[in-house]
Amino acid sequence: MPRPLDRNGSRWFMNFCCTHIQTMLRFIVDGCPSLRKTGFLLFKTSIIFVFLFNPSLTTRLYSEEDSVVILTSATVKQTLLNSSTAWLVQFYSSWCGHCIQYSPTWKALAGDVKDWEHAIRIGVLDCAQENNFDICKEFGIHFYPTFRYFKARGPTFDVGKTYRGADRELQTVRQLMVNFLQNHTTQDWPVSCPPLEPYSSADILPLIGQKSNQYTAVIVENEDSYVGREVILDLMMYQGLTVKRALSSEKSLTEKLGINSFPSAYLLHPNGTHAILHVQKRLRFFFSSFLKLLLGVHRKLSTSGAPQELPVSLIFSRSKVYMADLESGLHYLLRVELATHQTLEGEELKTFKDFVTVVAKLFPGRQSVVKLLETLLEWLVSLPLEKIPFDAILDLVNNKMRISGMFLSDQLQWVGCQGSRVGLRGYPCSLWTLFHVLTVQAASRPDALANTGLEENPKAVLQTMRKYIVNFFGCQECGKHFEEMAVASLPQVKSVDQAVLWLWRKHNQVNGRLAGTMSEDPHFPKTQWPSPDLCPTCHEEQDGIHVWNEDKVLMFLKQHYGAANISPKHMYSSQHEPNQETLGSPDNKPIKATQEKTVAPESSLLHANHAKQSDVEGAGQAGTGAHRETRPGVSFLGLGFSSVDMSLCVVLYAFSCVFLMVMFFFFRVRSKRWKIRYNRPYV
């Protein structure tokens, strides 16, 4: 089988083949009969050559995982006819070199305007597929790629309007999409698309100081700016907020609001207060991200009915990591999720040992938890067994040996990972957080894994996470998704810093895929993290496209998930431990929160055997505990001893010591008497 070409080689190869095929076609069309025959044979040979030496071309350029809608001859007409949204469709050919090179831009565009899908959608149709030949001919497609706009609510068949501009960069096409929407009339305006025209001073000024049931954001911009319209479309799928735009030429408005630089945003609060919206950079992404994070602003639900309001109980800061979340995650992992496995052996046992090794060496928790993890690690290392019953591990985790200073809470107390209702966030959030913390600890403490066999491996934490999710995580589909991501890019990680960034990228990739799904908490939308209010320097814009400054992101991740930023608030403790126990690194410099949200505690207890598994990518977990009561007759460490047996052993040991001491003194006294009686002092 020929070796597939790499990406750069594939582009050169496709351009060469396209030129070669065009030459053969000229022979067929314009040449004499002998040349036509030769050209036809060469043409067939070229086609076979293309697909034989570049098997990747047999796969489609776009898949269901992209944000584009894949159209076919069977679906294109019924999709476009009388559609509630406008459409921008690319007709392409999978063998066209330029189409292949342009596909990353098209995918990026579709992802960038994903929240616009109720106003305008992005589609693709592959004219190289045999079943699409006739439909492409019917639409009059002669060159590739061809871009066609289709208006919403079209009652009759329409071949669309072709975009003939030479500039096909992402920002240009995105602005053309805005212009195309504005070209709709009242009769064919997309059903869910908000107004994009600017409001006048007479429309905006009466709203100032008025109470309302939602926020109102006013984007004031120059006439040629697209920021306001793009922010309106970005927020159209969110409720609790209305976005309007006004022009800088409205002098009475700008003077009243005190705005002298553009674009700017002015926020009207539901209680009647109002103020300029301060963002670090006057860019579309910063405005949109800030507005999405306002309290009470959340993505619209697919079903009728508004989500329940968050109960006011625990207040937390998004700029902090909470030890309560980490410990609750460990509790659920050790006492609930792993407890579904009766025994550990083979690959499962090795994975568990690696996991305990990484956590015991890197976990920046309070001493009682670290001591428990270290004791568990020592026990696993010293136990030369190929098969271990998990009840033995539970006995140690539950501290049935009554070792002083060893304790892990048996209650769930989600703080930063609290969901707005039971079943959202919780354990999956804490598992992501735990591994983020561990990757940062591995990068900050390079000698922490010394003498473990993992010290030379920069991917030790990621590989441990990967094996844990594959072997133990309850959601098999989620494990498959994570494994696919790991297979595709994990080998590229060469340092501990790259490991930190890899996990951050994949977490954002999962957030992007699950945004707007049923597993998303409407009060805590899945956005690209960190948000601009947490790390303004992490965000930049190039040619109208949002890009990450990964050097700044790395600095932020190390600070955010560092031991000094882990808050001990709301931790559950035993009767012998203070509730605010000092962590591995003191938290003496709290960071001012840019926004606070309220959460409710989960402290109900539930037996481990009745616990349910959860989705690491989506749904959270209900509050569960799984601490089993210590009672006579329960096996201790899986070795067949009960607590009664252990008590009898202690009593027998003490009695034996006393008996031996008595016998020692008895024979010593008797020996002295014998020596004196028989006058043998030296015997």
Foldseek 3Di string as FASTA:
>chain_A
DADADDDVVLLVVLVVLVVVLVVLVCQLPPNDPVSNVVSVVVNVVSVCVNCVRHVVLVDDLDDPLFLAAEDAPVPPQVCQAQALEKEKEKEAASSHSVCNVCSVQLSQLSLLLVLLVLHYGYYYYHCNDPRRVVVCVVLVDDDPTWIFIGFHGHNDDDSGDTDDDPDPGSVVVVVVVLVVQVPDDPVRRRPLQDDQDADACVVPVVLAQDADQAKEKEWEAAPPDCLQSSLQSLQSQKPRYHYHYHYPVRPVNCVVQVDDDPGWMKMQGNNRHIHTDDFPDRANQQVNLVVCQDFPIFGDAPDDDDDDFFDFDAKDFPLFAAVLLQLLLVQCVLQFQVLVDQKAADLRLVLVLLVLLLCLLQPFFFQQANVLSVVLNVVSVPDPDRMFGSVLVLLSQLPVVVDPSHDRDQWRWDHSQFFSDAWAGRNLVSVLLNLLLSLLSCQVPLCSSPPVVCSVPLCSSVVSVLSCCCPTAPDNVLNVVVVVLCVVPVVVDDHSLSNSVSSLVVLLSLLSSCFNPPLARRNHTSHRPDRCVNPVQQWDADPSHIDGPVVSVSVSSSVSSPSLRHAQPPHDDDPVDDSRGATSDHNPDYDDGPDMDGHDTQGDEDASVPADGHRSSGIHHHIYGHNDDQDFPRDHSPPRDTPVNVVVVVVVVVVVVVVVVVVVVVVVVVVVVVCVVVVNPPD
